[in-house]
Structure formats: C-alpha cells, structure tokens
Amino acid sequence: MKEGAQLTQAEAGHRYDVFHTDCPARDVVDHVTSRWGIWVLISLRSNDLRFYELRDSIQGISEKMLAQTLRTLVKDGLVRREVEPTTPPQVTYGLTEFGQEIGEPLTNLFHRITQRLPPRSPG
C-alpha cells in the first residue's frame, strides 16, 4: 500500500470491509501487530533512530528480522527511511504521520498494561 492511499480512500467516502480477506487494511494490521512491528513503532515514537540504534533498543530482534520489518512498515507508509549520501550511507528511520497515529494508541496500550502488572521482584 503506498503512503497516503488510506487517506485518499477515506476522503472519497470509500470504506474498507475489514472482515473481507482481500481487505488491504488487514495486511497493515498484520504488519503492525506482528511480533516485531509493534516494537519498531513504539521505539520510533519519541525520535528518529539509525538502524543499529533501533536494533539495540529492541532486545531479541535479529538484524534480518529488523530489516524485514522495517521494509514492510516503510512499504505500508508507517515508517520513513532517509538515506544520507555519505560513505558509508547513513540511514535513519522515523514515523510518518500515519505511523505516529498508529503508534500512539499502541504506546498507550503498553503503558496501561505495565501499570497493571505486579511489581517485579528483585532477582
């Protein structure tokens, strides 16, 4: 889905049938709620990060999975990728406006969950 497609459809008054298997919104939801997609969106909520910074902020993700997840989220229009023409090239990732809109409720969700968890015992 190219960036902005969801806005164009909404402005035209067209509604997607999210319960239909061919609905493109289902793909975006699958990508956002994938094992790593949600963590990428939450990690990028406060500021733009370079690849290695993002990798270090999400414990347990491999470079391969991070690269795949970023590629998918860029394609969906949630994450923007900026390449600086240096040697070697410096790549920075950040949220698009759409990504910010999606990331905010996810951040709130995890904040609420962590507030309800019992205190961690030292160990």
PDB file of N, CA and C in Angstrom:
ATOM      1  N   MET A   1       0.855  -1.169   0.000  1.00  0.00           N
ATOM      2  CA  MET A   1       0.000   0.000   0.000  1.00  0.00           C
ATOM      3  C   MET A   1       0.893   1.221   0.000  1.00  0.00           C
ATOM      4  N   LYS A   2       0.679   2.101  -0.943  1.00  0.00           N
ATOM      5  CA  LYS A   2       1.535   3.277  -0.983  1.00  0.00           C
ATOM      6  C   LYS A   2       1.070   4.297   0.034  1.00  0.00           C
ATOM      7  N   GLU A   3       2.030   5.102   0.516  1.00  0.00           N
ATOM      8  CA  GLU A   3       1.743   6.084   1.546  1.00  0.00           C
ATOM      9  C   GLU A   3       0.653   7.025   1.087  1.00  0.00           C
ATOM     10  N   GLY A   4      -0.319   7.268   1.966  1.00  0.00           N
ATOM     11  CA  GLY A   4      -1.393   8.193   1.657  1.00  0.00           C
ATOM     12  C   GLY A   4      -2.604   7.516   1.041  1.00  0.00           C
ATOM     13  N   ALA A   5      -2.494   6.263   0.614  1.00  0.00           N
ATOM     14  CA  ALA A   5      -3.618   5.584  -0.030  1.00  0.00           C
ATOM     15  C   ALA A   5      -4.814   5.477   0.907  1.00  0.00           C
ATOM     16  N   GLN A   6      -4.550   5.213   2.191  1.00  0.00           N
ATOM     17  CA  GLN A   6      -5.640   5.085   3.142  1.00  0.00           C
ATOM     18  C   GLN A   6      -6.380   6.408   3.322  1.00  0.00           C
ATOM     19  N   LEU A   7      -5.687   7.528   3.223  1.00  0.00           N
ATOM     20  CA  LEU A   7      -6.330   8.823   3.367  1.00  0.00           C
ATOM     21  C   LEU A   7      -7.179   9.131   2.145  1.00  0.00           C
ATOM     22  N   THR A   8      -6.678   8.808   0.967  1.00  0.00           N
ATOM     23  CA  THR A   8      -7.416   9.066  -0.256  1.00  0.00           C
ATOM     24  C   THR A   8      -8.727   8.290  -0.247  1.00  0.00           C
ATOM     25  N   GLN A   9      -8.661   7.030   0.142  1.00  0.00           N
ATOM     26  CA  GLN A   9      -9.866   6.212   0.174  1.00  0.00           C
ATOM     27  C   GLN A   9     -10.862   6.746   1.193  1.00  0.00           C
ATOM     28  N   ALA A  10     -10.372   7.152   2.366  1.00  0.00           N
ATOM     29  CA  ALA A  10     -11.259   7.656   3.412  1.00  0.00           C
ATOM     30  C   ALA A  10     -11.903   8.964   2.985  1.00  0.00           C
ATOM     31  N   GLU A  11     -11.129   9.842   2.317  1.00  0.00           N
ATOM     32  CA  GLU A  11     -11.668  11.116   1.875  1.00  0.00           C
ATOM     33  C   GLU A  11     -12.745  10.914   0.822  1.00  0.00           C
ATOM     34  N   ALA A  12     -12.601   9.903   0.002  1.00  0.00           N
ATOM     35  CA  ALA A  12     -13.577   9.646  -1.052  1.00  0.00           C
ATOM     36  C   ALA A  12     -14.839   9.010  -0.494  1.00  0.00           C
ATOM     37  N   GLY A  13     -14.845   8.714   0.800  1.00  0.00           N
ATOM     38  CA  GLY A  13     -16.022   8.114   1.415  1.00  0.00           C
ATOM     39  C   GLY A  13     -16.084   6.602   1.265  1.00  0.00           C
ATOM     40  N   HIS A  14     -15.051   6.019   0.669  1.00  0.00           N
ATOM     41  CA  HIS A  14     -14.997   4.569   0.495  1.00  0.00           C
ATOM     42  C   HIS A  14     -14.548   3.938   1.799  1.00  0.00           C
ATOM     43  N   ARG A  15     -15.286   2.945   2.253  1.00  0.00           N
ATOM     44  CA  ARG A  15     -14.902   2.234   3.472  1.00  0.00           C
ATOM     45  C   ARG A  15     -14.475   0.831   3.100  1.00  0.00           C
ATOM     46  N   TYR A  16     -13.424   0.388   3.734  1.00  0.00           N
ATOM     47  CA  TYR A  16     -12.955  -0.968   3.503  1.00  0.00           C
ATOM     48  C   TYR A  16     -13.758  -1.926   4.360  1.00  0.00           C
ATOM     49  N   ASP A  17     -13.990  -3.117   3.841  1.00  0.00           N
ATOM     50  CA  ASP A  17     -14.644  -4.171   4.608  1.00  0.00           C
ATOM     51  C   ASP A  17     -13.534  -4.963   5.293  1.00  0.00           C
ATOM     52  N   VAL A  18     -13.217  -4.586   6.526  1.00  0.00           N
ATOM     53  CA  VAL A  18     -12.073  -5.176   7.217  1.00  0.00           C
ATOM     54  C   VAL A  18     -12.257  -6.659   7.528  1.00  0.00           C
ATOM     55  N   PHE A  19     -13.469  -7.163   7.402  1.00  0.00           N
ATOM     56  CA  PHE A  19     -13.695  -8.586   7.660  1.00  0.00           C
ATOM     57  C   PHE A  19     -13.542  -9.431   6.396  1.00  0.00           C
ATOM     58  N   HIS A  20     -13.342  -8.788   5.252  1.00  0.00           N
ATOM     59  CA  HIS A  20     -13.137  -9.492   3.993  1.00  0.00           C
ATOM     60  C   HIS A  20     -11.662  -9.852   3.870  1.00  0.00           C
ATOM     61  N   THR A  21     -11.373 -11.034   3.383  1.00  0.00           N
ATOM     62  CA  THR A  21      -9.984 -11.499   3.310  1.00  0.00           C
ATOM     63  C   THR A  21      -9.125 -10.686   2.361  1.00  0.00           C
ATOM     64  N   ASP A  22      -9.731 -10.000   1.395  1.00  0.00           N
ATOM     65  CA  ASP A  22      -8.959  -9.199   0.440  1.00  0.00           C
ATOM     66  C   ASP A  22      -8.749  -7.759   0.887  1.00  0.00           C
ATOM     67  N   CYS A  23      -9.180  -7.404   2.072  1.00  0.00           N
ATOM     68  CA  CYS A  23      -9.075  -6.022   2.543  1.00  0.00           C
ATOM     69  C   CYS A  23      -7.608  -5.662   2.787  1.00  0.00           C
ATOM     70  N   PRO A  24      -7.096  -4.596   2.127  1.00  0.00           N
ATOM     71  CA  PRO A  24      -5.697  -4.219   2.336  1.00  0.00           C
ATOM     72  C   PRO A  24      -5.404  -3.742   3.756  1.00  0.00           C
ATOM     73  N   ALA A  25      -6.410  -3.284   4.475  1.00  0.00           N
ATOM     74  CA  ALA A  25      -6.204  -2.853   5.859  1.00  0.00           C
ATOM     75  C   ALA A  25      -5.790  -4.032   6.736  1.00  0.00           C
ATOM     76  N   ARG A  26      -6.258  -5.219   6.387  1.00  0.00           N
ATOM     77  CA  ARG A  26      -5.879  -6.400   7.172  1.00  0.00           C
ATOM     78  C   ARG A  26      -4.374  -6.647   7.100  1.00  0.00           C
ATOM     79  N   ASP A  27      -3.791  -6.424   5.923  1.00  0.00           N
ATOM     80  CA  ASP A  27      -2.344  -6.601   5.784  1.00  0.00           C
ATOM     81  C   ASP A  27      -1.600  -5.623   6.683  1.00  0.00           C
ATOM     82  N   VAL A  28      -2.030  -4.371   6.697  1.00  0.00           N
ATOM     83  CA  VAL A  28      -1.365  -3.363   7.526  1.00  0.00           C
ATOM     84  C   VAL A  28      -1.497  -3.736   8.999  1.00  0.00           C
ATOM     85  N   VAL A  29      -2.683  -4.165   9.419  1.00  0.00           N
ATOM     86  CA  VAL A  29      -2.876  -4.578  10.816  1.00  0.00           C
ATOM     87  C   VAL A  29      -1.970  -5.759  11.142  1.00  0.00           C
ATOM     88  N   ASP A  30      -1.862  -6.709  10.225  1.00  0.00           N
ATOM     89  CA  ASP A  30      -0.969  -7.855  10.445  1.00  0.00           C
ATOM     90  C   ASP A  30       0.476  -7.398  10.609  1.00  0.00           C
ATOM     91  N   HIS A  31       0.897  -6.426   9.811  1.00  0.00           N
ATOM     92  CA  HIS A  31       2.280  -5.938   9.890  1.00  0.00           C
ATOM     93  C   HIS A  31       2.524  -5.155  11.182  1.00  0.00           C
ATOM     94  N   VAL A  32       1.547  -4.333  11.559  1.00  0.00           N
ATOM     95  CA  VAL A  32       1.678  -3.528  12.784  1.00  0.00           C
ATOM     96  C   VAL A  32       1.723  -4.431  14.008  1.00  0.00           C
ATOM     97  N   THR A  33       0.878  -5.450  14.022  1.00  0.00           N
ATOM     98  CA  THR A  33       0.774  -6.309  15.205  1.00  0.00           C
ATOM     99  C   THR A  33       1.664  -7.553  15.109  1.00  0.00           C
ATOM    100  N   SER A  34       2.559  -7.565  14.138  1.00  0.00           N
ATOM    101  CA  SER A  34       3.482  -8.693  14.045  1.00  0.00           C
ATOM    102  C   SER A  34       4.393  -8.697  15.274  1.00  0.00           C
ATOM    103  N   ARG A  35       5.116  -9.768  15.421  1.00  0.00           N
ATOM    104  CA  ARG A  35       5.975  -9.902  16.602  1.00  0.00           C
ATOM    105  C   ARG A  35       6.890  -8.703  16.792  1.00  0.00           C
ATOM    106  N   TRP A  36       7.441  -8.149  15.702  1.00  0.00           N
ATOM    107  CA  TRP A  36       8.401  -7.065  15.819  1.00  0.00           C
ATOM    108  C   TRP A  36       7.857  -5.713  15.375  1.00  0.00           C
ATOM    109  N   GLY A  37       6.828  -5.693  14.574  1.00  0.00           N
ATOM    110  CA  GLY A  37       6.276  -4.437  14.064  1.00  0.00           C
ATOM    111  C   GLY A  37       5.846  -3.485  15.173  1.00  0.00           C
ATOM    112  N   ILE A  38       5.197  -4.017  16.147  1.00  0.00           N
ATOM    113  CA  ILE A  38       4.706  -3.191  17.254  1.00  0.00           C
ATOM    114  C   ILE A  38       5.861  -2.545  18.015  1.00  0.00           C
ATOM    115  N   TRP A  39       6.967  -3.289  18.189  1.00  0.00           N
ATOM    116  CA  TRP A  39       8.114  -2.759  18.937  1.00  0.00           C
ATOM    117  C   TRP A  39       8.848  -1.693  18.136  1.00  0.00           C
ATOM    118  N   VAL A  40       8.907  -1.864  16.824  1.00  0.00           N
ATOM    119  CA  VAL A  40       9.535  -0.846  15.978  1.00  0.00           C
ATOM    120  C   VAL A  40       8.746   0.455  16.075  1.00  0.00           C
ATOM    121  N   LEU A  41       7.423   0.363  15.965  1.00  0.00           N
ATOM    122  CA  LEU A  41       6.592   1.574  16.031  1.00  0.00           C
ATOM    123  C   LEU A  41       6.720   2.269  17.381  1.00  0.00           C
ATOM    124  N   ILE A  42       6.731   1.507  18.451  1.00  0.00           N
ATOM    125  CA  ILE A  42       6.861   2.105  19.785  1.00  0.00           C
ATOM    126  C   ILE A  42       8.259   2.715  19.961  1.00  0.00           C
ATOM    127  N   SER A  43       9.282   2.042  19.465  1.00  0.00           N
ATOM    128  CA  SER A  43      10.648   2.559  19.602  1.00  0.00           C
ATOM    129  C   SER A  43      10.849   3.872  18.854  1.00  0.00           C
ATOM    130  N   LEU A  44      10.152   4.039  17.754  1.00  0.00           N
ATOM    131  CA  LEU A  44      10.318   5.246  16.943  1.00  0.00           C
ATOM    132  C   LEU A  44       9.378   6.380  17.354  1.00  0.00           C
ATOM    133  N   ARG A  45       8.551   6.166  18.377  1.00  0.00           N
ATOM    134  CA  ARG A  45       7.584   7.187  18.787  1.00  0.00           C
ATOM    135  C   ARG A  45       8.256   8.470  19.264  1.00  0.00           C
ATOM    136  N   SER A  46       9.348   8.376  19.990  1.00  0.00           N
ATOM    137  CA  SER A  46       9.938   9.594  20.555  1.00  0.00           C
ATOM    138  C   SER A  46      10.913  10.294  19.623  1.00  0.00           C
ATOM    139  N   ASN A  47      11.662   9.538  18.838  1.00  0.00           N
ATOM    140  CA  ASN A  47      12.612  10.188  17.924  1.00  0.00           C
ATOM    141  C   ASN A  47      13.058   9.232  16.827  1.00  0.00           C
ATOM    142  N   ASP A  48      13.643   9.800  15.794  1.00  0.00           N
ATOM    143  CA  ASP A  48      14.183   9.006  14.689  1.00  0.00           C
ATOM    144  C   ASP A  48      15.431   8.273  15.166  1.00  0.00           C
ATOM    145  N   LEU A  49      15.636   7.085  14.605  1.00  0.00           N
ATOM    146  CA  LEU A  49      16.783   6.273  15.010  1.00  0.00           C
ATOM    147  C   LEU A  49      17.476   5.690  13.793  1.00  0.00           C
ATOM    148  N   ARG A  50      18.772   5.501  13.920  1.00  0.00           N
ATOM    149  CA  ARG A  50      19.528   4.777  12.903  1.00  0.00           C
ATOM    150  C   ARG A  50      19.287   3.282  13.126  1.00  0.00           C
ATOM    151  N   PHE A  51      19.629   2.475  12.129  1.00  0.00           N
ATOM    152  CA  PHE A  51      19.356   1.038  12.182  1.00  0.00           C
ATOM    153  C   PHE A  51      19.919   0.399  13.443  1.00  0.00           C
ATOM    154  N   TYR A  52      21.201   0.651  13.715  1.00  0.00           N
ATOM    155  CA  TYR A  52      21.830   0.000  14.871  1.00  0.00           C
ATOM    156  C   TYR A  52      21.219   0.484  16.189  1.00  0.00           C
ATOM    157  N   GLU A  53      20.787   1.747  16.253  1.00  0.00           N
ATOM    158  CA  GLU A  53      20.137   2.261  17.472  1.00  0.00           C
ATOM    159  C   GLU A  53      18.802   1.567  17.685  1.00  0.00           C
ATOM    160  N   LEU A  54      18.080   1.372  16.601  1.00  0.00           N
ATOM    161  CA  LEU A  54      16.800   0.678  16.673  1.00  0.00           C
ATOM    162  C   LEU A  54      17.005  -0.776  17.083  1.00  0.00           C
ATOM    163  N   ARG A  55      17.998  -1.410  16.488  1.00  0.00           N
ATOM    164  CA  ARG A  55      18.315  -2.802  16.846  1.00  0.00           C
ATOM    165  C   ARG A  55      18.656  -2.919  18.327  1.00  0.00           C
ATOM    166  N   ASP A  56      19.458  -1.996  18.832  1.00  0.00           N
ATOM    167  CA  ASP A  56      19.854  -2.039  20.241  1.00  0.00           C
ATOM    168  C   ASP A  56      18.693  -1.730  21.182  1.00  0.00           C
ATOM    169  N   SER A  57      17.710  -0.960  20.714  1.00  0.00           N
ATOM    170  CA  SER A  57      16.582  -0.593  21.586  1.00  0.00           C
ATOM    171  C   SER A  57      15.563  -1.723  21.708  1.00  0.00           C
ATOM    172  N   ILE A  58      15.575  -2.670  20.770  1.00  0.00           N
ATOM    173  CA  ILE A  58      14.608  -3.780  20.788  1.00  0.00           C
ATOM    174  C   ILE A  58      15.369  -5.070  21.074  1.00  0.00           C
ATOM    175  N   GLN A  59      15.426  -5.453  22.311  1.00  0.00           N
ATOM    176  CA  GLN A  59      16.173  -6.650  22.682  1.00  0.00           C
ATOM    177  C   GLN A  59      15.545  -7.887  22.051  1.00  0.00           C
ATOM    178  N   GLY A  60      16.399  -8.756  21.519  1.00  0.00           N
ATOM    179  CA  GLY A  60      15.944 -10.032  20.983  1.00  0.00           C
ATOM    180  C   GLY A  60      15.704 -10.041  19.483  1.00  0.00           C
ATOM    181  N   ILE A  61      15.690  -8.887  18.827  1.00  0.00           N
ATOM    182  CA  ILE A  61      15.443  -8.862  17.383  1.00  0.00           C
ATOM    183  C   ILE A  61      16.763  -9.057  16.634  1.00  0.00           C
ATOM    184  N   SER A  62      16.715  -9.874  15.599  1.00  0.00           N
ATOM    185  CA  SER A  62      17.905 -10.071  14.777  1.00  0.00           C
ATOM    186  C   SER A  62      17.954  -8.971  13.724  1.00  0.00           C
ATOM    187  N   GLU A  63      19.130  -8.768  13.158  1.00  0.00           N
ATOM    188  CA  GLU A  63      19.269  -7.764  12.109  1.00  0.00           C
ATOM    189  C   GLU A  63      18.393  -8.110  10.916  1.00  0.00           C
ATOM    190  N   LYS A  64      18.305  -9.391  10.605  1.00  0.00           N
ATOM    191  CA  LYS A  64      17.478  -9.835   9.476  1.00  0.00           C
ATOM    192  C   LYS A  64      16.010  -9.489   9.712  1.00  0.00           C
ATOM    193  N   MET A  65      15.497  -9.795  10.897  1.00  0.00           N
ATOM    194  CA  MET A  65      14.092  -9.525  11.191  1.00  0.00           C
ATOM    195  C   MET A  65      13.813  -8.024  11.256  1.00  0.00           C
ATOM    196  N   LEU A  66      14.767  -7.266  11.788  1.00  0.00           N
ATOM    197  CA  LEU A  66      14.588  -5.818  11.837  1.00  0.00           C
ATOM    198  C   LEU A  66      14.532  -5.251  10.423  1.00  0.00           C
ATOM    199  N   ALA A  67      15.434  -5.701   9.567  1.00  0.00           N
ATOM    200  CA  ALA A  67      15.444  -5.217   8.176  1.00  0.00           C
ATOM    201  C   ALA A  67      14.136  -5.567   7.467  1.00  0.00           C
ATOM    202  N   GLN A  68      13.647  -6.793   7.651  1.00  0.00           N
ATOM    203  CA  GLN A  68      12.387  -7.209   7.023  1.00  0.00           C
ATOM    204  C   GLN A  68      11.215  -6.397   7.555  1.00  0.00           C
ATOM    205  N   THR A  69      11.176  -6.198   8.867  1.00  0.00           N
ATOM    206  CA  THR A  69      10.081  -5.452   9.486  1.00  0.00           C
ATOM    207  C   THR A  69      10.089  -4.004   9.019  1.00  0.00           C
ATOM    208  N   LEU A  70      11.260  -3.391   8.980  1.00  0.00           N
ATOM    209  CA  LEU A  70      11.358  -2.008   8.521  1.00  0.00           C
ATOM    210  C   LEU A  70      10.928  -1.889   7.062  1.00  0.00           C
ATOM    211  N   ARG A  71      11.356  -2.808   6.223  1.00  0.00           N
ATOM    212  CA  ARG A  71      10.972  -2.786   4.808  1.00  0.00           C
ATOM    213  C   ARG A  71       9.448  -2.826   4.659  1.00  0.00           C
ATOM    214  N   THR A  72       8.814  -3.687   5.426  1.00  0.00           N
ATOM    215  CA  THR A  72       7.365  -3.821   5.361  1.00  0.00           C
ATOM    216  C   THR A  72       6.663  -2.570   5.859  1.00  0.00           C
ATOM    217  N   LEU A  73       7.132  -2.017   6.983  1.00  0.00           N
ATOM    218  CA  LEU A  73       6.490  -0.824   7.547  1.00  0.00           C
ATOM    219  C   LEU A  73       6.718   0.407   6.672  1.00  0.00           C
ATOM    220  N   VAL A  74       7.844   0.459   5.984  1.00  0.00           N
ATOM    221  CA  VAL A  74       8.090   1.549   5.024  1.00  0.00           C
ATOM    222  C   VAL A  74       7.105   1.406   3.858  1.00  0.00           C
ATOM    223  N   LYS A  75       6.965   0.194   3.364  1.00  0.00           N
ATOM    224  CA  LYS A  75       6.048  -0.072   2.248  1.00  0.00           C
ATOM    225  C   LYS A  75       4.605   0.287   2.617  1.00  0.00           C
ATOM    226  N   ASP A  76       4.226   0.038   3.868  1.00  0.00           N
ATOM    227  CA  ASP A  76       2.872   0.342   4.334  1.00  0.00           C
ATOM    228  C   ASP A  76       2.653   1.829   4.591  1.00  0.00           C
ATOM    229  N   GLY A  77       3.724   2.615   4.562  1.00  0.00           N
ATOM    230  CA  GLY A  77       3.582   4.046   4.790  1.00  0.00           C
ATOM    231  C   GLY A  77       3.583   4.450   6.254  1.00  0.00           C
ATOM    232  N   LEU A  78       4.041   3.556   7.147  1.00  0.00           N
ATOM    233  CA  LEU A  78       4.086   3.843   8.576  1.00  0.00           C
ATOM    234  C   LEU A  78       5.438   4.399   9.013  1.00  0.00           C
ATOM    235  N   VAL A  79       6.486   3.970   8.326  1.00  0.00           N
ATOM    236  CA  VAL A  79       7.857   4.368   8.667  1.00  0.00           C
ATOM    237  C   VAL A  79       8.480   4.999   7.426  1.00  0.00           C
ATOM    238  N   ARG A  80       9.257   6.059   7.648  1.00  0.00           N
ATOM    239  CA  ARG A  80      10.003   6.676   6.549  1.00  0.00           C
ATOM    240  C   ARG A  80      11.477   6.320   6.710  1.00  0.00           C
ATOM    241  N   ARG A  81      12.133   6.196   5.581  1.00  0.00           N
ATOM    242  CA  ARG A  81      13.556   5.825   5.544  1.00  0.00           C
ATOM    243  C   ARG A  81      14.300   6.945   4.851  1.00  0.00           C
ATOM    244  N   GLU A  82      15.263   7.533   5.555  1.00  0.00           N
ATOM    245  CA  GLU A  82      16.047   8.629   4.989  1.00  0.00           C
ATOM    246  C   GLU A  82      17.504   8.196   4.882  1.00  0.00           C
ATOM    247  N   VAL A  83      18.042   8.309   3.678  1.00  0.00           N
ATOM    248  CA  VAL A  83      19.428   7.917   3.426  1.00  0.00           C
ATOM    249  C   VAL A  83      20.246   9.178   3.180  1.00  0.00           C
ATOM    250  N   GLU A  84      21.313   9.333   3.964  1.00  0.00           N
ATOM    251  CA  GLU A  84      22.231  10.457   3.768  1.00  0.00           C
ATOM    252  C   GLU A  84      23.363   9.986   2.859  1.00  0.00           C
ATOM    253  N   PRO A  85      23.668  10.777   1.824  1.00  0.00           N
ATOM    254  CA  PRO A  85      24.688  10.350   0.857  1.00  0.00           C
ATOM    255  C   PRO A  85      26.105  10.516   1.387  1.00  0.00           C
ATOM    256  N   THR A  86      26.438   9.709   2.362  1.00  0.00           N
ATOM    257  CA  THR A  86      27.788   9.710   2.926  1.00  0.00           C
ATOM    258  C   THR A  86      28.418   8.359   2.625  1.00  0.00           C
ATOM    259  N   THR A  87      29.671   8.214   2.966  1.00  0.00           N
ATOM    260  CA  THR A  87      30.338   6.920   2.796  1.00  0.00           C
ATOM    261  C   THR A  87      30.771   6.412   4.158  1.00  0.00           C
ATOM    262  N   PRO A  88      30.231   5.343   4.673  1.00  0.00           N
ATOM    263  CA  PRO A  88      29.093   4.607   4.136  1.00  0.00           C
ATOM    264  C   PRO A  88      27.798   5.406   4.325  1.00  0.00           C
ATOM    265  N   PRO A  89      26.732   5.064   3.581  1.00  0.00           N
ATOM    266  CA  PRO A  89      25.473   5.800   3.710  1.00  0.00           C
ATOM    267  C   PRO A  89      24.903   5.664   5.125  1.00  0.00           C
ATOM    268  N   GLN A  90      24.370   6.746   5.638  1.00  0.00           N
ATOM    269  CA  GLN A  90      23.719   6.724   6.952  1.00  0.00           C
ATOM    270  C   GLN A  90      22.208   6.680   6.730  1.00  0.00           C
ATOM    271  N   VAL A  91      21.565   5.677   7.306  1.00  0.00           N
ATOM    272  CA  VAL A  91      20.127   5.505   7.133  1.00  0.00           C
ATOM    273  C   VAL A  91      19.444   5.760   8.465  1.00  0.00           C
ATOM    274  N   THR A  92      18.453   6.623   8.433  1.00  0.00           N
ATOM    275  CA  THR A  92      17.676   6.956   9.623  1.00  0.00           C
ATOM    276  C   THR A  92      16.225   6.590   9.371  1.00  0.00           C
ATOM    277  N   TYR A  93      15.578   6.066  10.403  1.00  0.00           N
ATOM    278  CA  TYR A  93      14.168   5.684  10.310  1.00  0.00           C
ATOM    279  C   TYR A  93      13.356   6.536  11.272  1.00  0.00           C
ATOM    280  N   GLY A  94      12.163   6.894  10.856  1.00  0.00           N
ATOM    281  CA  GLY A  94      11.251   7.658  11.695  1.00  0.00           C
ATOM    282  C   GLY A  94       9.827   7.334  11.297  1.00  0.00           C
ATOM    283  N   LEU A  95       8.890   7.773  12.105  1.00  0.00           N
ATOM    284  CA  LEU A  95       7.483   7.512  11.808  1.00  0.00           C
ATOM    285  C   LEU A  95       6.912   8.583  10.888  1.00  0.00           C
ATOM    286  N   THR A  96       6.082   8.145   9.958  1.00  0.00           N
ATOM    287  CA  THR A  96       5.315   9.072   9.154  1.00  0.00           C
ATOM    288  C   THR A  96       4.162   9.584  10.026  1.00  0.00           C
ATOM    289  N   GLU A  97       3.373  10.485   9.507  1.00  0.00           N
ATOM    290  CA  GLU A  97       2.198  10.958  10.255  1.00  0.00           C
ATOM    291  C   GLU A  97       1.262   9.784  10.550  1.00  0.00           C
ATOM    292  N   PHE A  98       1.078   8.920   9.559  1.00  0.00           N
ATOM    293  CA  PHE A  98       0.251   7.724   9.741  1.00  0.00           C
ATOM    294  C   PHE A  98       0.846   6.819  10.822  1.00  0.00           C
ATOM    295  N   GLY A  99       2.158   6.644  10.809  1.00  0.00           N
ATOM    296  CA  GLY A  99       2.832   5.831  11.820  1.00  0.00           C
ATOM    297  C   GLY A  99       2.676   6.416  13.213  1.00  0.00           C
ATOM    298  N   GLN A 100       2.743   7.749  13.331  1.00  0.00           N
ATOM    299  CA  GLN A 100       2.522   8.410  14.630  1.00  0.00           C
ATOM    300  C   GLN A 100       1.107   8.132  15.133  1.00  0.00           C
ATOM    301  N   GLU A 101       0.140   8.231  14.226  1.00  0.00           N
ATOM    302  CA  GLU A 101      -1.256   7.981  14.604  1.00  0.00           C
ATOM    303  C   GLU A 101      -1.457   6.555  15.100  1.00  0.00           C
ATOM    304  N   ILE A 102      -0.808   5.601  14.457  1.00  0.00           N
ATOM    305  CA  ILE A 102      -0.929   4.195  14.847  1.00  0.00           C
ATOM    306  C   ILE A 102      -0.109   3.911  16.099  1.00  0.00           C
ATOM    307  N   GLY A 103       1.072   4.518  16.214  1.00  0.00           N
ATOM    308  CA  GLY A 103       1.965   4.264  17.348  1.00  0.00           C
ATOM    309  C   GLY A 103       1.445   4.788  18.666  1.00  0.00           C
ATOM    310  N   GLU A 104       0.690   5.878  18.636  1.00  0.00           N
ATOM    311  CA  GLU A 104       0.201   6.467  19.887  1.00  0.00           C
ATOM    312  C   GLU A 104      -0.689   5.523  20.684  1.00  0.00           C
ATOM    313  N   PRO A 105      -1.734   4.932  20.085  1.00  0.00           N
ATOM    314  CA  PRO A 105      -2.548   4.004  20.883  1.00  0.00           C
ATOM    315  C   PRO A 105      -1.787   2.751  21.316  1.00  0.00           C
ATOM    316  N   LEU A 106      -0.808   2.320  20.511  1.00  0.00           N
ATOM    317  CA  LEU A 106      -0.003   1.159  20.910  1.00  0.00           C
ATOM    318  C   LEU A 106       0.823   1.485  22.149  1.00  0.00           C
ATOM    319  N   THR A 107       1.403   2.676  22.166  1.00  0.00           N
ATOM    320  CA  THR A 107       2.178   3.111  23.326  1.00  0.00           C
ATOM    321  C   THR A 107       1.283   3.204  24.550  1.00  0.00           C
ATOM    322  N   ASN A 108       0.101   3.762  24.378  1.00  0.00           N
ATOM    323  CA  ASN A 108      -0.865   3.857  25.488  1.00  0.00           C
ATOM    324  C   ASN A 108      -1.267   2.477  25.992  1.00  0.00           C
ATOM    325  N   LEU A 109      -1.473   1.553  25.063  1.00  0.00           N
ATOM    326  CA  LEU A 109      -1.840   0.190  25.440  1.00  0.00           C
ATOM    327  C   LEU A 109      -0.764  -0.433  26.328  1.00  0.00           C
ATOM    328  N   PHE A 110       0.491  -0.330  25.921  1.00  0.00           N
ATOM    329  CA  PHE A 110       1.559  -0.930  26.710  1.00  0.00           C
ATOM    330  C   PHE A 110       1.781  -0.193  28.019  1.00  0.00           C
ATOM    331  N   HIS A 111       1.538   1.102  28.027  1.00  0.00           N
ATOM    332  CA  HIS A 111       1.620   1.843  29.286  1.00  0.00           C
ATOM    333  C   HIS A 111       0.563   1.322  30.263  1.00  0.00           C
ATOM    334  N   ARG A 112      -0.647   1.135  29.795  1.00  0.00           N
ATOM    335  CA  ARG A 112      -1.716   0.617  30.665  1.00  0.00           C
ATOM    336  C   ARG A 112      -1.409  -0.788  31.163  1.00  0.00           C
ATOM    337  N   ILE A 113      -0.877  -1.617  30.271  1.00  0.00           N
ATOM    338  CA  ILE A 113      -0.536  -2.989  30.673  1.00  0.00           C
ATOM    339  C   ILE A 113       0.529  -2.970  31.754  1.00  0.00           C
ATOM    340  N   THR A 114       1.595  -2.186  31.561  1.00  0.00           N
ATOM    341  CA  THR A 114       2.677  -2.182  32.547  1.00  0.00           C
ATOM    342  C   THR A 114       2.229  -1.588  33.880  1.00  0.00           C
ATOM    343  N   GLN A 115       1.247  -0.705  33.866  1.00  0.00           N
ATOM    344  CA  GLN A 115       0.730  -0.142  35.109  1.00  0.00           C
ATOM    345  C   GLN A 115      -0.048  -1.189  35.911  1.00  0.00           C
ATOM    346  N   ARG A 116      -0.594  -2.191  35.239  1.00  0.00           N
ATOM    347  CA  ARG A 116      -1.392  -3.225  35.895  1.00  0.00           C
ATOM    348  C   ARG A 116      -0.597  -4.461  36.303  1.00  0.00           C
ATOM    349  N   LEU A 117       0.609  -4.570  35.803  1.00  0.00           N
ATOM    350  CA  LEU A 117       1.415  -5.748  36.146  1.00  0.00           C
ATOM    351  C   LEU A 117       1.872  -5.660  37.604  1.00  0.00           C
ATOM    352  N   PRO A 118       2.015  -6.802  38.247  1.00  0.00           N
ATOM    353  CA  PRO A 118       2.552  -6.756  39.630  1.00  0.00           C
ATOM    354  C   PRO A 118       3.991  -6.282  39.607  1.00  0.00           C
ATOM    355  N   PRO A 119       4.448  -5.682  40.709  1.00  0.00           N
ATOM    356  CA  PRO A 119       5.845  -5.216  40.771  1.00  0.00           C
ATOM    357  C   PRO A 119       6.806  -6.384  40.542  1.00  0.00           C
ATOM    358  N   ARG A 120       7.904  -6.087  39.873  1.00  0.00           N
ATOM    359  CA  ARG A 120       8.913  -7.116  39.621  1.00  0.00           C
ATOM    360  C   ARG A 120       9.691  -7.374  40.904  1.00  0.00           C
ATOM    361  N   SER A 121       9.910  -8.631  41.176  1.00  0.00           N
ATOM    362  CA  SER A 121      10.706  -8.967  42.338  1.00  0.00           C
ATOM    363  C   SER A 121      12.188  -8.900  41.958  1.00  0.00           C
ATOM    364  N   PRO A 122      13.038  -8.450  42.889  1.00  0.00           N
ATOM    365  CA  PRO A 122      14.474  -8.392  42.589  1.00  0.00           C
ATOM    366  C   PRO A 122      15.009  -9.794  42.344  1.00  0.00           C
ATOM    367  N   GLY A 123      15.887  -9.877  41.425  1.00  0.00           N
ATOM    368  CA  GLY A 123      16.417 -11.203  41.204  1.00  0.00           C
ATOM    369  C   GLY A 123      17.238 -11.259  40.053  1.00  0.00           C
TER     370      GLY A 123
END
